[in-house]
Amino acid sequence: MLRLKEQEPNISNVACNNDDLKQISDKSFIKYISYDESNFEESDLENIDNLKDKISPNQINWINIISPRNLDLKNLETHFNIHPLIIEDIYSTNQRLKIDPFPDYLFIVLNAINSCEDEELELEQVSIILSKNYVFSFQEFSPDQFVQIQERIKQSRGRIRKQGVDYLVYVLFDVLVDNYFTILEDFGDKLEELQENLVRNPNPEILQEIYDFKKKILKIRKATWPLREVISQLSKRDSEFISDSSIIYFRDVNDHIFHIIDTIETYREMTSGLIDLFMSSISNKMNEIMKVLTIIATIFIPLTFIVGIYGMNFQFMPELAWKWGYLTIICIMVLIALGMIVFFRRKKWL
């Protein structure tokens, strides 16, 4: 299915070591955006205490919260009728990907994936609450992955200001899925580099890189398969929070997820093939070494036989008293060695 929106720039890589993540997680940010086709309002909030009063019933309201674990979200339960278990799921960032329907909203748990500066991958839980005129999005720790969407809304680019709240959720999904594509493109480049290095110089360091690459593939696969189920449910679910006109957009994202999964499976097979190629290359290299050593040993077998005969301590050996005996034996040994080398070359063993 063709893409139904304009392309957006990709978010930059982030540092993903534990210290940086902890530092980012300790900082909470709340961005409130309210808009319709002709109006736009944006503000940064310190807490959600008075958020209920800011919600406009005639506009689309988006509250984007980064690092919610440092905030008191009890007002969500009081003012927005959010179930306490949902708040616990938002705080606990190891939830499985899912959709929980409630009378007044849908609760959705997703996984974003961040490509780090040190080429590691970091999974991030993104929770979304979708109601009739507002959306809550909760990001675990990373720099705001949705900042480009905020700019689109502010500048009234595309159709987002003309669509409903369900379209906003689709755009959130789409940005996360686009980041999967970006990471997979980097994986493709890395895979080509590993293939070239493996053919040029198969060594244990290359094998370790292949195993590390395979672990990354498995990590992104672990994040993608459940995401497929979530988006598939949204594209088929008969829900009052998702209009018929928006279903096609979720189906578009669903198609992209299947494309991502196919690409991941292809990369997994190629990685396994690289491991087999490495083992085969090492085996061939070892066979070449053994062939050379075998040929050298074969050449020295008759020479060792001759030396062994004339090394015996018998008194009556005619050649021992012959003036040219030593030189003759040396010449015979050289001729035997040269003859065997010529023979091996004709057989193409050398």
Protein backbone atom coordinates (compact mmCIF):
# COMPACT_ATOMS: atom_id res chain seq x y z
CA MET A 1 0.00 0.00 0.00
CA LEU A 2 1.29 3.47 -0.85
CA ARG A 3 2.15 5.83 1.94
CA LEU A 4 -0.58 8.40 2.56
CA LYS A 5 1.49 11.11 4.22
CA GLU A 6 4.54 13.22 3.65
CA GLN A 7 7.89 11.84 4.74
CA GLU A 8 9.46 13.16 7.92
CA PRO A 9 13.12 13.40 8.91
CA ASN A 10 14.37 10.72 11.23
CA ILE A 11 15.19 11.36 14.85
CA SER A 12 18.85 11.42 15.72
CA ASN A 13 20.66 8.65 17.49
CA VAL A 14 20.85 8.85 21.25
CA ALA A 15 23.46 7.75 23.74
CA CYS A 16 22.15 4.60 25.39
CA ASN A 17 24.57 3.77 28.13
CA ASN A 18 22.99 3.24 31.53
CA ASP A 19 24.21 6.52 33.03
CA ASP A 20 22.77 8.57 30.18
CA LEU A 21 19.47 6.72 30.35
CA LYS A 22 19.21 7.29 34.08
CA GLN A 23 19.97 10.98 33.61
CA ILE A 24 17.30 11.29 30.92
CA SER A 25 14.80 9.27 32.96
CA ASP A 26 15.20 11.60 35.93
CA LYS A 27 13.88 14.51 33.86
CA SER A 28 10.14 14.63 33.24
CA PHE A 29 8.52 16.82 30.62
CA ILE A 30 4.87 17.49 29.87
CA LYS A 31 3.88 19.04 26.56
CA TYR A 32 0.25 20.06 26.11
CA ILE A 33 -1.04 20.75 22.60
CA SER A 34 -4.61 21.68 21.68
CA TYR A 35 -5.62 22.26 18.08
CA ASP A 36 -8.20 22.16 15.35
CA GLU A 37 -8.05 23.23 11.72
CA SER A 38 -7.78 26.94 12.54
CA ASN A 39 -6.48 27.09 16.12
CA PHE A 40 -3.36 25.95 17.88
CA GLU A 41 -2.24 26.16 21.50
CA GLU A 42 0.97 24.82 23.01
CA SER A 43 2.36 24.90 26.53
CA ASP A 44 4.80 23.14 28.85
CA LEU A 45 3.36 21.93 32.13
CA GLU A 46 5.09 21.12 35.41
CA ASN A 47 2.39 18.68 36.51
CA ILE A 48 -1.06 17.45 35.51
CA ASP A 49 -2.95 18.89 38.48
CA ASN A 50 -4.96 21.43 36.48
CA LEU A 51 -4.93 19.58 33.21
CA LYS A 52 -8.64 18.80 33.29
CA ASP A 53 -9.44 22.53 33.11
CA LYS A 54 -7.27 22.97 30.02
CA ILE A 55 -8.92 20.21 28.00
CA SER A 56 -11.05 21.79 25.30
CA PRO A 57 -14.09 19.67 24.33
CA ASN A 58 -14.23 21.21 20.85
CA GLN A 59 -10.58 20.67 19.97
CA ILE A 60 -8.12 17.79 19.82
CA ASN A 61 -5.98 17.67 22.95
CA TRP A 62 -2.63 15.92 23.06
CA ILE A 63 -0.66 15.54 26.27
CA ASN A 64 2.81 14.14 25.65
CA ILE A 65 4.67 13.07 28.81
CA ILE A 66 8.32 12.03 28.91
CA SER A 67 9.53 9.95 31.87
CA PRO A 68 6.17 9.61 33.67
CA ARG A 69 7.68 7.55 36.50
CA ASN A 70 8.78 10.79 38.15
CA LEU A 71 5.30 12.29 38.10
CA ASP A 72 2.22 11.81 40.23
CA LEU A 73 -0.43 10.47 37.85
CA LYS A 74 -3.20 9.98 40.38
CA ASN A 75 -5.13 12.88 38.88
CA LEU A 76 -5.59 10.79 35.77
CA GLU A 77 -7.65 8.43 37.88
CA THR A 78 -9.59 11.26 39.51
CA HIS A 79 -10.25 13.60 36.59
CA PHE A 80 -10.12 11.31 33.54
CA ASN A 81 -11.49 8.10 35.04
CA ILE A 82 -8.30 6.20 34.16
CA HIS A 83 -8.20 2.80 35.83
CA PRO A 84 -5.53 2.41 38.56
CA LEU A 85 -4.14 -0.67 36.80
CA ILE A 86 -3.50 1.44 33.72
CA ILE A 87 -1.49 3.91 35.79
CA GLU A 88 0.51 1.00 37.20
CA ASP A 89 1.19 -0.22 33.65
CA ILE A 90 2.44 3.24 32.70
CA TYR A 91 4.83 3.29 35.64
CA SER A 92 6.01 -0.28 35.02
CA THR A 93 7.96 -0.17 31.77
CA ASN A 94 8.23 -3.88 31.10
CA GLN A 95 4.68 -4.44 29.92
CA ARG A 96 3.81 -6.67 27.01
CA LEU A 97 2.45 -4.90 23.95
CA LYS A 98 -1.34 -4.79 24.10
CA ILE A 99 -4.64 -2.97 23.61
CA ASP A 100 -7.03 -2.71 26.54
CA PRO A 101 -10.49 -1.33 25.69
CA PHE A 102 -12.39 0.65 28.33
CA PRO A 103 -15.76 2.43 28.06
CA ASP A 104 -14.16 5.90 27.88
CA TYR A 105 -10.82 5.17 26.19
CA LEU A 106 -8.38 2.71 24.67
CA PHE A 107 -5.11 1.94 26.40
CA ILE A 108 -2.27 0.93 24.07
CA VAL A 109 1.25 -0.22 24.93
CA LEU A 110 3.92 -0.10 22.21
CA ASN A 111 7.67 -0.48 21.89
CA ALA A 112 9.79 2.20 20.32
CA ILE A 113 13.34 1.30 19.41
CA ASN A 114 16.28 3.66 19.62
CA SER A 115 19.50 3.31 17.67
CA CYS A 116 22.33 4.42 19.93
CA GLU A 117 25.58 6.15 19.10
CA ASP A 118 27.48 3.01 20.12
CA GLU A 119 25.38 0.97 17.64
CA GLU A 120 23.39 -0.67 20.43
CA LEU A 121 19.60 -0.90 20.37
CA GLU A 122 17.42 0.20 23.26
CA LEU A 123 13.72 -0.66 23.57
CA GLU A 124 11.47 2.01 25.02
CA GLN A 125 7.91 1.54 26.21
CA VAL A 126 5.42 4.03 24.77
CA SER A 127 1.95 4.05 26.31
CA ILE A 128 -1.03 5.76 24.69
CA ILE A 129 -4.48 6.58 26.03
CA LEU A 130 -6.96 7.37 23.25
CA SER A 131 -10.28 8.98 24.08
CA LYS A 132 -12.84 10.90 22.04
CA ASN A 133 -11.13 14.28 22.19
CA TYR A 134 -7.76 13.74 23.87
CA VAL A 135 -4.65 11.59 23.61
CA PHE A 136 -2.11 10.89 26.33
CA SER A 137 1.28 9.60 25.19
CA PHE A 138 3.89 8.44 27.71
CA GLN A 139 7.50 7.97 26.63
CA GLU A 140 9.84 6.08 28.90
CA PHE A 141 13.13 7.97 28.69
CA SER A 142 14.34 9.00 25.26
CA PRO A 143 14.49 12.47 23.75
CA ASP A 144 11.05 13.31 22.45
CA GLN A 145 10.43 10.98 19.52
CA PHE A 146 7.30 12.93 18.59
CA VAL A 147 8.84 16.38 18.28
CA GLN A 148 8.47 16.25 14.50
CA ILE A 149 4.74 15.64 14.90
CA GLN A 150 4.48 18.67 17.15
CA GLU A 151 6.12 20.75 14.43
CA ARG A 152 3.72 19.39 11.81
CA ILE A 153 0.76 20.38 13.96
CA LYS A 154 2.21 23.78 14.76
CA GLN A 155 2.98 24.57 11.13
CA SER A 156 -0.26 22.97 9.91
CA ARG A 157 1.62 20.73 7.50
CA GLY A 158 -0.18 17.79 5.95
CA ARG A 159 -3.68 16.73 6.90
CA ILE A 160 -3.18 16.26 10.63
CA ARG A 161 -4.99 19.48 11.63
CA LYS A 162 -7.96 18.47 9.48
CA GLN A 163 -8.34 14.98 10.94
CA GLY A 164 -9.61 13.62 14.23
CA VAL A 165 -7.93 12.37 17.36
CA ASP A 166 -7.63 8.83 15.95
CA TYR A 167 -5.54 10.19 13.08
CA LEU A 168 -3.15 11.68 15.63
CA VAL A 169 -2.69 8.22 17.14
CA TYR A 170 -2.03 6.84 13.66
CA VAL A 171 0.70 9.46 13.16
CA LEU A 172 2.28 8.46 16.48
CA PHE A 173 2.30 4.83 15.34
CA ASP A 174 3.68 5.80 11.96
CA VAL A 175 6.63 7.74 13.38
CA LEU A 176 7.60 4.78 15.57
CA VAL A 177 7.33 2.35 12.64
CA ASP A 178 9.35 4.68 10.39
CA ASN A 179 12.16 4.51 12.93
CA TYR A 180 12.14 0.71 12.56
CA PHE A 181 12.68 1.19 8.82
CA THR A 182 15.59 3.55 9.48
CA ILE A 183 17.26 1.05 11.80
CA LEU A 184 16.75 -1.78 9.31
CA GLU A 185 18.38 0.31 6.58
CA ASP A 186 21.42 0.67 8.84
CA PHE A 187 21.28 -3.09 9.44
CA GLY A 188 21.37 -3.70 5.69
CA ASP A 189 24.50 -1.56 5.33
CA LYS A 190 26.13 -3.34 8.27
CA LEU A 191 25.26 -6.73 6.80
CA GLU A 192 26.93 -5.85 3.49
CA GLU A 193 30.01 -4.68 5.37
CA LEU A 194 30.16 -7.95 7.32
CA GLN A 195 29.89 -9.94 4.10
CA GLU A 196 32.78 -8.03 2.52
CA ASN A 197 34.97 -8.38 5.60
CA LEU A 198 34.16 -12.06 5.89
CA VAL A 199 35.13 -12.79 2.30
CA ARG A 200 38.29 -10.69 2.57
CA ASN A 201 39.53 -11.85 5.95
CA PRO A 202 37.59 -14.44 7.96
CA ASN A 203 38.82 -14.14 11.53
CA PRO A 204 37.37 -14.61 15.04
CA GLU A 205 36.67 -10.86 15.35
CA ILE A 206 34.37 -11.03 12.34
CA LEU A 207 32.54 -13.99 13.87
CA GLN A 208 31.97 -12.00 17.07
CA GLU A 209 30.57 -9.10 15.04
CA ILE A 210 28.20 -11.49 13.28
CA TYR A 211 26.97 -12.88 16.60
CA ASP A 212 26.47 -9.34 17.94
CA PHE A 213 24.54 -8.45 14.79
CA LYS A 214 22.37 -11.53 15.20
CA LYS A 215 21.54 -10.50 18.78
CA LYS A 216 20.38 -7.10 17.49
CA ILE A 217 18.20 -8.78 14.87
CA LEU A 218 16.58 -10.93 17.55
CA LYS A 219 16.03 -7.87 19.73
CA ILE A 220 14.23 -5.91 17.04
CA ARG A 221 12.27 -9.02 16.09
CA LYS A 222 11.15 -9.36 19.69
CA ALA A 223 9.82 -5.80 19.57
CA THR A 224 8.20 -6.09 16.14
CA TRP A 225 6.13 -9.27 16.33
CA PRO A 226 3.88 -8.11 19.20
CA LEU A 227 3.59 -4.69 17.51
CA ARG A 228 2.13 -6.45 14.50
CA GLU A 229 -0.66 -7.88 16.66
CA VAL A 230 -1.48 -4.51 18.21
CA ILE A 231 -1.71 -2.67 14.91
CA SER A 232 -3.61 -5.54 13.34
CA GLN A 233 -6.23 -5.25 16.08
CA LEU A 234 -6.53 -1.49 15.56
CA SER A 235 -6.96 -1.92 11.81
CA LYS A 236 -9.78 -4.43 12.32
CA ARG A 237 -11.33 -3.37 15.62
CA ASP A 238 -14.87 -1.99 15.56
CA SER A 239 -14.21 0.76 18.08
CA GLU A 240 -16.02 4.02 18.68
CA PHE A 241 -12.62 5.71 19.12
CA ILE A 242 -11.41 4.89 15.60
CA SER A 243 -13.45 6.18 12.69
CA ASP A 244 -13.98 4.26 9.48
CA SER A 245 -12.00 6.90 7.58
CA SER A 246 -8.94 6.26 9.78
CA ILE A 247 -8.98 2.47 9.47
CA ILE A 248 -7.19 2.66 6.12
CA TYR A 249 -4.28 4.52 7.75
CA PHE A 250 -3.84 1.86 10.41
CA ARG A 251 -3.97 -0.79 7.68
CA ASP A 252 -1.19 1.13 5.94
CA VAL A 253 0.95 0.93 9.09
CA ASN A 254 0.02 -2.75 9.38
CA ASP A 255 1.37 -3.35 5.87
CA HIS A 256 4.61 -1.65 6.83
CA ILE A 257 4.94 -3.86 9.90
CA PHE A 258 4.62 -6.97 7.70
CA HIS A 259 7.29 -5.50 5.43
CA ILE A 260 9.54 -4.94 8.44
CA ILE A 261 8.97 -8.51 9.65
CA ASP A 262 9.81 -9.90 6.21
CA THR A 263 13.01 -7.84 6.18
CA ILE A 264 13.94 -9.02 9.66
CA GLU A 265 13.44 -12.66 8.69
CA THR A 266 15.56 -12.11 5.59
CA TYR A 267 18.34 -10.60 7.70
CA ARG A 268 18.13 -13.51 10.15
CA GLU A 269 18.60 -16.00 7.32
CA MET A 270 21.45 -13.97 5.87
CA THR A 271 23.14 -13.78 9.28
CA SER A 272 22.88 -17.55 9.70
CA GLY A 273 24.31 -17.86 6.20
CA LEU A 274 27.24 -15.64 7.20
CA ILE A 275 27.99 -17.90 10.15
CA ASP A 276 27.92 -20.94 7.86
CA LEU A 277 30.14 -19.08 5.38
CA PHE A 278 32.60 -18.25 8.16
CA MET A 279 32.76 -21.88 9.27
CA SER A 280 33.20 -22.98 5.67
CA SER A 281 35.94 -20.39 5.07
CA ILE A 282 37.83 -21.45 8.19
CA SER A 283 37.45 -25.10 7.19
CA ASN A 284 38.73 -24.39 3.67
CA LYS A 285 41.62 -22.40 5.07
CA MET A 286 42.50 -25.25 7.40
CA ASN A 287 42.26 -27.73 4.53
CA GLU A 288 44.68 -25.62 2.50
CA ILE A 289 47.13 -25.58 5.38
CA MET A 290 46.80 -29.34 5.87
CA LYS A 291 47.32 -29.92 2.14
CA VAL A 292 50.57 -27.96 2.15
CA LEU A 293 51.80 -29.78 5.24
CA THR A 294 50.83 -33.14 3.73
CA ILE A 295 52.72 -32.39 0.51
CA ILE A 296 55.82 -31.35 2.47
CA ALA A 297 55.61 -34.51 4.56
CA THR A 298 55.12 -36.63 1.44
CA ILE A 299 58.22 -35.15 -0.18
CA PHE A 300 60.31 -35.92 2.87
CA ILE A 301 59.13 -39.54 3.22
CA PRO A 302 61.46 -41.01 0.53
CA LEU A 303 64.27 -38.67 1.60
CA THR A 304 63.89 -39.86 5.17
CA PHE A 305 63.91 -43.46 3.90
CA ILE A 306 67.25 -42.93 2.10
CA VAL A 307 68.80 -41.15 5.06
CA GLY A 308 67.56 -43.92 7.32
CA ILE A 309 69.25 -46.60 5.22
CA TYR A 310 72.61 -44.85 5.14
CA GLY A 311 72.35 -44.00 8.78
CA MET A 312 72.57 -47.66 9.76
CA ASN A 313 75.77 -48.69 11.55
CA PHE A 314 76.87 -51.56 9.31
CA GLN A 315 80.54 -51.99 8.54
CA PHE A 316 80.25 -53.37 5.02
CA MET A 317 78.19 -50.82 3.07
CA PRO A 318 79.82 -50.35 -0.39
CA GLU A 319 78.82 -46.70 -0.77
CA LEU A 320 80.45 -45.66 2.49
CA ALA A 321 83.94 -46.06 1.05
CA TRP A 322 83.08 -44.52 -2.32
CA LYS A 323 84.60 -41.07 -2.91
CA TRP A 324 81.50 -39.63 -4.63
CA GLY A 325 78.95 -41.47 -2.47
CA TYR A 326 77.85 -38.49 -0.37
CA LEU A 327 77.43 -36.13 -3.33
CA THR A 328 75.61 -38.82 -5.33
CA ILE A 329 73.10 -39.49 -2.54
CA ILE A 330 72.47 -35.75 -2.11
CA CYS A 331 71.82 -35.36 -5.86
CA ILE A 332 69.47 -38.34 -5.86
CA MET A 333 67.53 -36.87 -2.92
CA VAL A 334 67.25 -33.46 -4.69
CA LEU A 335 66.05 -35.12 -7.90
CA ILE A 336 63.44 -37.11 -6.00
CA ALA A 337 62.14 -33.95 -4.28
CA LEU A 338 62.02 -32.00 -7.58
CA GLY A 339 60.33 -34.89 -9.35
CA MET A 340 57.63 -35.09 -6.70
CA ILE A 341 57.05 -31.32 -6.85
CA VAL A 342 56.62 -31.52 -10.65
CA PHE A 343 54.26 -34.45 -10.22
CA PHE A 344 52.13 -32.53 -7.67
CA ARG A 345 51.97 -29.49 -9.92
CA ARG A 346 50.78 -31.58 -12.87
CA LYS A 347 48.06 -33.01 -10.65
CA LYS A 348 47.24 -29.41 -9.60
CA TRP A 349 47.75 -30.25 -5.95
CA LEU A 350 50.11 -27.28 -5.68
